[in-house]
Amino acid sequence: FPKMRLGVAPSALRIPGIRQLMHWIGCVAADKKSLEAALAAGNSICLFPGGIAEMIRTEMGQERILLKARKGFARIALERGTPIVPVYVFGQSILWSHVKLPAWVERLSRWLQVSIILPYGRFGMLVPRKRSLLYAIGMPIAVGSGGSPPTAEAVDATHSAVVAAVQELYDFYKGLYGWQDRRLLIE
């Protein structure tokens, strides 16, 4: 994917030091204005639609992604005429664990627009566990030529196609990763 940019929480780009690191590795704010500007410049965007809430809800024993209520990326793709490439990364959910915090922490995190988690990995430190990852990359989902505001039906249809494609990728490749009996929960 040429000119790949990673969409990150806008709040991460407000922290001195972190902001420079994020820009150095090519990150852009995951807000509509920034994503549209990056696409207009000819960049590809890597997004994790589950965002902060998905980070907080990650559990070692199951695969869980928050995608069903996240439709903004589909709307932007339709407006710009940018195809969506579904991707599922096997193993990324087991690189880190985090201390279970009360439910109100998720609400606070979303309000602050920053992830409040206490992660740990190898040796109980801020070092990810050593695991192989499997990147399952699906076929691009064409969204038309763009140029006009999409209808709610078009957004729903595109979003449904992405959800179905992610589920198909997971089901097709889970055995290859050794997760035949591990199911994917899409919320």
C-alpha atoms as a PDB file:
ATOM      1  CA  PHE A   1       0.000   0.000   0.000  1.00  0.00           C
ATOM      2  CA  PRO A   2       1.887   3.035  -1.214  1.00  0.00           C
ATOM      3  CA  LYS A   3       1.904   6.144   0.932  1.00  0.00           C
ATOM      4  CA  MET A   4       0.251   4.340   3.863  1.00  0.00           C
ATOM      5  CA  ARG A   5      -0.767   6.563   6.783  1.00  0.00           C
ATOM      6  CA  LEU A   6      -2.059   5.349  10.142  1.00  0.00           C
ATOM      7  CA  GLY A   7      -5.133   7.056  11.602  1.00  0.00           C
ATOM      8  CA  VAL A   8      -4.680   7.712  15.335  1.00  0.00           C
ATOM      9  CA  ALA A   9      -6.711   9.392  18.057  1.00  0.00           C
ATOM     10  CA  PRO A  10      -6.419  13.165  17.568  1.00  0.00           C
ATOM     11  CA  SER A  11      -5.535  13.544  21.255  1.00  0.00           C
ATOM     12  CA  ALA A  12      -2.316  11.555  20.660  1.00  0.00           C
ATOM     13  CA  LEU A  13      -1.190  14.307  18.295  1.00  0.00           C
ATOM     14  CA  ARG A  14      -1.542  16.953  21.028  1.00  0.00           C
ATOM     15  CA  ILE A  15       1.113  15.481  23.314  1.00  0.00           C
ATOM     16  CA  PRO A  16       4.612  16.940  22.790  1.00  0.00           C
ATOM     17  CA  GLY A  17       7.119  14.242  21.918  1.00  0.00           C
ATOM     18  CA  ILE A  18       4.385  11.738  21.036  1.00  0.00           C
ATOM     19  CA  ARG A  19       3.115  14.139  18.360  1.00  0.00           C
ATOM     20  CA  GLN A  20       6.543  14.335  16.693  1.00  0.00           C
ATOM     21  CA  LEU A  21       6.970  10.550  16.826  1.00  0.00           C
ATOM     22  CA  MET A  22       3.495   9.992  15.353  1.00  0.00           C
ATOM     23  CA  HIS A  23       4.104  12.447  12.520  1.00  0.00           C
ATOM     24  CA  TRP A  24       7.554  10.961  11.876  1.00  0.00           C
ATOM     25  CA  ILE A  25       6.034   7.508  11.314  1.00  0.00           C
ATOM     26  CA  GLY A  26       3.281   8.969   9.120  1.00  0.00           C
ATOM     27  CA  CYS A  27       0.249   9.130  11.402  1.00  0.00           C
ATOM     28  CA  VAL A  28      -2.720  11.397  10.803  1.00  0.00           C
ATOM     29  CA  ALA A  29      -5.588  12.271  13.103  1.00  0.00           C
ATOM     30  CA  ALA A  30      -8.517   9.884  12.716  1.00  0.00           C
ATOM     31  CA  ASP A  31     -11.019  12.697  12.259  1.00  0.00           C
ATOM     32  CA  LYS A  32     -12.994  13.420   9.114  1.00  0.00           C
ATOM     33  CA  LYS A  33     -11.074  16.531   8.060  1.00  0.00           C
ATOM     34  CA  SER A  34      -7.626  14.915   8.447  1.00  0.00           C
ATOM     35  CA  LEU A  35      -8.644  11.656   6.781  1.00  0.00           C
ATOM     36  CA  GLU A  36     -10.171  13.491   3.821  1.00  0.00           C
ATOM     37  CA  ALA A  37      -7.027  15.626   3.440  1.00  0.00           C
ATOM     38  CA  ALA A  38      -4.785  12.538   3.507  1.00  0.00           C
ATOM     39  CA  LEU A  39      -6.953  10.778   0.916  1.00  0.00           C
ATOM     40  CA  ALA A  40      -6.994  13.903  -1.269  1.00  0.00           C
ATOM     41  CA  ALA A  41      -3.171  13.872  -1.146  1.00  0.00           C
ATOM     42  CA  GLY A  42      -3.200  10.329  -2.552  1.00  0.00           C
ATOM     43  CA  ASN A  43      -2.468   8.489   0.688  1.00  0.00           C
ATOM     44  CA  SER A  44      -3.873   5.162   1.825  1.00  0.00           C
ATOM     45  CA  ILE A  45      -5.232   5.154   5.377  1.00  0.00           C
ATOM     46  CA  CYS A  46      -5.011   2.331   7.908  1.00  0.00           C
ATOM     47  CA  LEU A  47      -7.822   2.629  10.458  1.00  0.00           C
ATOM     48  CA  PHE A  48      -8.867   0.661  13.496  1.00  0.00           C
ATOM     49  CA  PRO A  49     -12.559   1.626  13.627  1.00  0.00           C
ATOM     50  CA  GLY A  50     -12.964   0.205  17.153  1.00  0.00           C
ATOM     51  CA  GLY A  51     -10.691   2.898  18.513  1.00  0.00           C
ATOM     52  CA  ILE A  52     -10.278   3.504  22.225  1.00  0.00           C
ATOM     53  CA  ALA A  53     -13.284   1.402  23.224  1.00  0.00           C
ATOM     54  CA  GLU A  54     -11.881  -1.635  21.425  1.00  0.00           C
ATOM     55  CA  MET A  55      -8.523  -1.208  23.143  1.00  0.00           C
ATOM     56  CA  ILE A  56     -10.191  -1.199  26.538  1.00  0.00           C
ATOM     57  CA  ARG A  57     -12.399  -4.207  25.784  1.00  0.00           C
ATOM     58  CA  THR A  58      -9.613  -6.438  24.432  1.00  0.00           C
ATOM     59  CA  GLU A  59      -9.453  -9.772  26.261  1.00  0.00           C
ATOM     60  CA  MET A  60      -6.853 -12.521  25.996  1.00  0.00           C
ATOM     61  CA  GLY A  61      -9.425 -15.325  25.700  1.00  0.00           C
ATOM     62  CA  GLN A  62     -11.453 -14.096  22.741  1.00  0.00           C
ATOM     63  CA  GLU A  63     -11.343 -11.999  19.610  1.00  0.00           C
ATOM     64  CA  ARG A  64     -13.573  -8.966  19.848  1.00  0.00           C
ATOM     65  CA  ILE A  65     -13.792  -5.987  17.527  1.00  0.00           C
ATOM     66  CA  LEU A  66     -16.096  -2.984  17.637  1.00  0.00           C
ATOM     67  CA  LEU A  67     -17.290  -2.424  14.109  1.00  0.00           C
ATOM     68  CA  LYS A  68     -21.075  -2.686  13.886  1.00  0.00           C
ATOM     69  CA  ALA A  69     -21.796   0.885  15.019  1.00  0.00           C
ATOM     70  CA  ARG A  70     -18.726   2.423  13.331  1.00  0.00           C
ATOM     71  CA  LYS A  71     -19.829   3.710   9.923  1.00  0.00           C
ATOM     72  CA  GLY A  72     -17.887   6.952   9.500  1.00  0.00           C
ATOM     73  CA  PHE A  73     -15.084   5.303   7.523  1.00  0.00           C
ATOM     74  CA  ALA A  74     -17.662   3.896   5.068  1.00  0.00           C
ATOM     75  CA  ARG A  75     -19.227   7.333   4.607  1.00  0.00           C
ATOM     76  CA  ILE A  76     -15.826   8.950   3.927  1.00  0.00           C
ATOM     77  CA  ALA A  77     -14.882   6.186   1.470  1.00  0.00           C
ATOM     78  CA  LEU A  78     -18.165   6.644  -0.400  1.00  0.00           C
ATOM     79  CA  GLU A  79     -17.780  10.437  -0.495  1.00  0.00           C
ATOM     80  CA  ARG A  80     -14.234  10.168  -1.865  1.00  0.00           C
ATOM     81  CA  GLY A  81     -14.718   7.089  -4.064  1.00  0.00           C
ATOM     82  CA  THR A  82     -11.942   5.298  -2.165  1.00  0.00           C
ATOM     83  CA  PRO A  83     -12.079   1.481  -2.045  1.00  0.00           C
ATOM     84  CA  ILE A  84     -11.956  -0.171   1.383  1.00  0.00           C
ATOM     85  CA  VAL A  85      -9.496  -3.025   1.910  1.00  0.00           C
ATOM     86  CA  PRO A  86     -10.580  -5.224   4.832  1.00  0.00           C
ATOM     87  CA  VAL A  87      -7.733  -6.531   6.999  1.00  0.00           C
ATOM     88  CA  TYR A  88      -7.640  -8.743  10.081  1.00  0.00           C
ATOM     89  CA  VAL A  89      -4.430  -9.123  12.089  1.00  0.00           C
ATOM     90  CA  PHE A  90      -4.276 -12.439  13.916  1.00  0.00           C
ATOM     91  CA  GLY A  91      -2.317 -12.315  17.153  1.00  0.00           C
ATOM     92  CA  GLN A  92      -2.440  -8.602  17.856  1.00  0.00           C
ATOM     93  CA  SER A  93      -4.931  -9.173  20.679  1.00  0.00           C
ATOM     94  CA  ILE A  94      -2.453 -11.367  22.575  1.00  0.00           C
ATOM     95  CA  LEU A  95       0.570  -9.073  22.387  1.00  0.00           C
ATOM     96  CA  TRP A  96      -0.605  -7.120  25.431  1.00  0.00           C
ATOM     97  CA  SER A  97      -2.789  -7.569  28.462  1.00  0.00           C
ATOM     98  CA  HIS A  98      -4.140  -4.804  30.596  1.00  0.00           C
ATOM     99  CA  VAL A  99      -5.300  -4.401  34.142  1.00  0.00           C
ATOM    100  CA  LYS A 100      -9.084  -4.643  34.333  1.00  0.00           C
ATOM    101  CA  LEU A 101     -10.511  -1.274  35.251  1.00  0.00           C
ATOM    102  CA  PRO A 102     -14.082  -0.304  36.200  1.00  0.00           C
ATOM    103  CA  ALA A 103     -16.609   0.288  33.399  1.00  0.00           C
ATOM    104  CA  TRP A 104     -16.676   4.046  34.009  1.00  0.00           C
ATOM    105  CA  VAL A 105     -13.047   4.253  32.842  1.00  0.00           C
ATOM    106  CA  GLU A 106     -14.170   3.488  29.279  1.00  0.00           C
ATOM    107  CA  ARG A 107     -16.652   6.359  29.386  1.00  0.00           C
ATOM    108  CA  LEU A 108     -13.968   8.662  30.787  1.00  0.00           C
ATOM    109  CA  SER A 109     -11.513   7.539  28.092  1.00  0.00           C
ATOM    110  CA  ARG A 110     -13.999   8.277  25.341  1.00  0.00           C
ATOM    111  CA  TRP A 111     -14.809  11.676  26.841  1.00  0.00           C
ATOM    112  CA  LEU A 112     -11.111  12.560  27.119  1.00  0.00           C
ATOM    113  CA  GLN A 113     -10.436  10.946  23.718  1.00  0.00           C
ATOM    114  CA  VAL A 114      -7.453   9.089  25.108  1.00  0.00           C
ATOM    115  CA  SER A 115      -7.040   5.471  26.078  1.00  0.00           C
ATOM    116  CA  ILE A 116      -6.759   5.010  29.827  1.00  0.00           C
ATOM    117  CA  ILE A 117      -5.421   1.502  30.191  1.00  0.00           C
ATOM    118  CA  LEU A 118      -2.602  -0.068  32.146  1.00  0.00           C
ATOM    119  CA  PRO A 119      -0.997  -2.399  29.583  1.00  0.00           C
ATOM    120  CA  TYR A 120       1.666  -4.976  30.186  1.00  0.00           C
ATOM    121  CA  GLY A 121       3.351  -7.551  28.022  1.00  0.00           C
ATOM    122  CA  ARG A 122       6.518  -9.565  28.332  1.00  0.00           C
ATOM    123  CA  PHE A 123       7.896  -9.725  31.869  1.00  0.00           C
ATOM    124  CA  GLY A 124       4.983  -7.524  33.032  1.00  0.00           C
ATOM    125  CA  MET A 125       6.571  -4.559  31.288  1.00  0.00           C
ATOM    126  CA  LEU A 126       5.645  -2.214  28.435  1.00  0.00           C
ATOM    127  CA  VAL A 127       7.194  -4.648  25.982  1.00  0.00           C
ATOM    128  CA  PRO A 128       4.857  -6.646  23.713  1.00  0.00           C
ATOM    129  CA  ARG A 129       4.858 -10.414  23.987  1.00  0.00           C
ATOM    130  CA  LYS A 130       6.863 -12.186  21.320  1.00  0.00           C
ATOM    131  CA  ARG A 131       4.197 -13.641  19.011  1.00  0.00           C
ATOM    132  CA  SER A 132       3.928 -14.203  15.295  1.00  0.00           C
ATOM    133  CA  LEU A 133       1.267 -12.152  13.569  1.00  0.00           C
ATOM    134  CA  LEU A 134      -0.749 -13.154  10.519  1.00  0.00           C
ATOM    135  CA  TYR A 135      -2.059 -10.345   8.350  1.00  0.00           C
ATOM    136  CA  ALA A 136      -5.132 -11.452   6.424  1.00  0.00           C
ATOM    137  CA  ILE A 137      -5.814  -8.957   3.637  1.00  0.00           C
ATOM    138  CA  GLY A 138      -9.056  -9.124   1.719  1.00  0.00           C
ATOM    139  CA  MET A 139     -10.062  -7.948  -1.707  1.00  0.00           C
ATOM    140  CA  PRO A 140     -10.819  -4.227  -2.068  1.00  0.00           C
ATOM    141  CA  ILE A 141     -14.472  -3.303  -1.693  1.00  0.00           C
ATOM    142  CA  ALA A 142     -15.358  -0.906  -4.492  1.00  0.00           C
ATOM    143  CA  VAL A 143     -17.474   2.049  -3.430  1.00  0.00           C
ATOM    144  CA  GLY A 144     -18.104   3.899  -6.685  1.00  0.00           C
ATOM    145  CA  SER A 145     -16.695   7.174  -7.928  1.00  0.00           C
ATOM    146  CA  GLY A 146     -17.708   9.427  -5.033  1.00  0.00           C
ATOM    147  CA  GLY A 147     -18.260  13.117  -5.453  1.00  0.00           C
ATOM    148  CA  SER A 148     -21.681  13.370  -3.853  1.00  0.00           C
ATOM    149  CA  PRO A 149     -23.017  12.802  -0.358  1.00  0.00           C
ATOM    150  CA  PRO A 150     -23.864   9.100   0.035  1.00  0.00           C
ATOM    151  CA  THR A 151     -27.322   7.937   1.009  1.00  0.00           C
ATOM    152  CA  ALA A 152     -27.886   6.199   4.332  1.00  0.00           C
ATOM    153  CA  GLU A 153     -28.648   3.026   2.383  1.00  0.00           C
ATOM    154  CA  ALA A 154     -25.307   3.202   0.533  1.00  0.00           C
ATOM    155  CA  VAL A 155     -23.428   3.729   3.804  1.00  0.00           C
ATOM    156  CA  ASP A 156     -25.252   0.780   5.395  1.00  0.00           C
ATOM    157  CA  ALA A 157     -24.589  -1.470   2.386  1.00  0.00           C
ATOM    158  CA  THR A 158     -20.878  -0.589   2.271  1.00  0.00           C
ATOM    159  CA  HIS A 159     -20.537  -0.998   6.023  1.00  0.00           C
ATOM    160  CA  SER A 160     -22.298  -4.383   5.902  1.00  0.00           C
ATOM    161  CA  ALA A 161     -19.954  -5.506   3.129  1.00  0.00           C
ATOM    162  CA  VAL A 162     -16.937  -4.573   5.286  1.00  0.00           C
ATOM    163  CA  VAL A 163     -18.316  -6.389   8.350  1.00  0.00           C
ATOM    164  CA  ALA A 164     -19.021  -9.491   6.251  1.00  0.00           C
ATOM    165  CA  ALA A 165     -15.563  -9.335   4.632  1.00  0.00           C
ATOM    166  CA  VAL A 166     -13.801  -9.118   8.001  1.00  0.00           C
ATOM    167  CA  GLN A 167     -15.817 -12.084   9.299  1.00  0.00           C
ATOM    168  CA  GLU A 168     -14.981 -14.080   6.143  1.00  0.00           C
ATOM    169  CA  LEU A 169     -11.268 -13.273   6.487  1.00  0.00           C
ATOM    170  CA  TYR A 170     -11.332 -14.402  10.102  1.00  0.00           C
ATOM    171  CA  ASP A 171     -13.205 -17.619   9.358  1.00  0.00           C
ATOM    172  CA  PHE A 172     -10.974 -18.467   6.388  1.00  0.00           C
ATOM    173  CA  TYR A 173      -7.611 -17.894   8.110  1.00  0.00           C
ATOM    174  CA  LYS A 174      -8.255 -18.754  11.770  1.00  0.00           C
ATOM    175  CA  GLY A 175      -7.246 -22.402  11.275  1.00  0.00           C
ATOM    176  CA  LEU A 176      -3.978 -21.351   9.660  1.00  0.00           C
ATOM    177  CA  TYR A 177      -3.185 -19.355  12.805  1.00  0.00           C
ATOM    178  CA  GLY A 178      -4.219 -22.258  15.060  1.00  0.00           C
ATOM    179  CA  TRP A 179      -7.418 -20.625  16.273  1.00  0.00           C
ATOM    180  CA  GLN A 180      -9.932 -23.101  14.786  1.00  0.00           C
ATOM    181  CA  ASP A 181     -12.054 -22.990  17.944  1.00  0.00           C
ATOM    182  CA  ARG A 182     -11.660 -19.291  18.710  1.00  0.00           C
ATOM    183  CA  ARG A 183     -14.579 -17.234  17.474  1.00  0.00           C
ATOM    184  CA  LEU A 184     -14.716 -13.604  16.492  1.00  0.00           C
ATOM    185  CA  LEU A 185     -17.241 -11.387  18.228  1.00  0.00           C
ATOM    186  CA  ILE A 186     -18.133  -8.325  16.141  1.00  0.00           C
ATOM    187  CA  GLU A 187     -19.973  -5.734  18.211  1.00  0.00           C
END
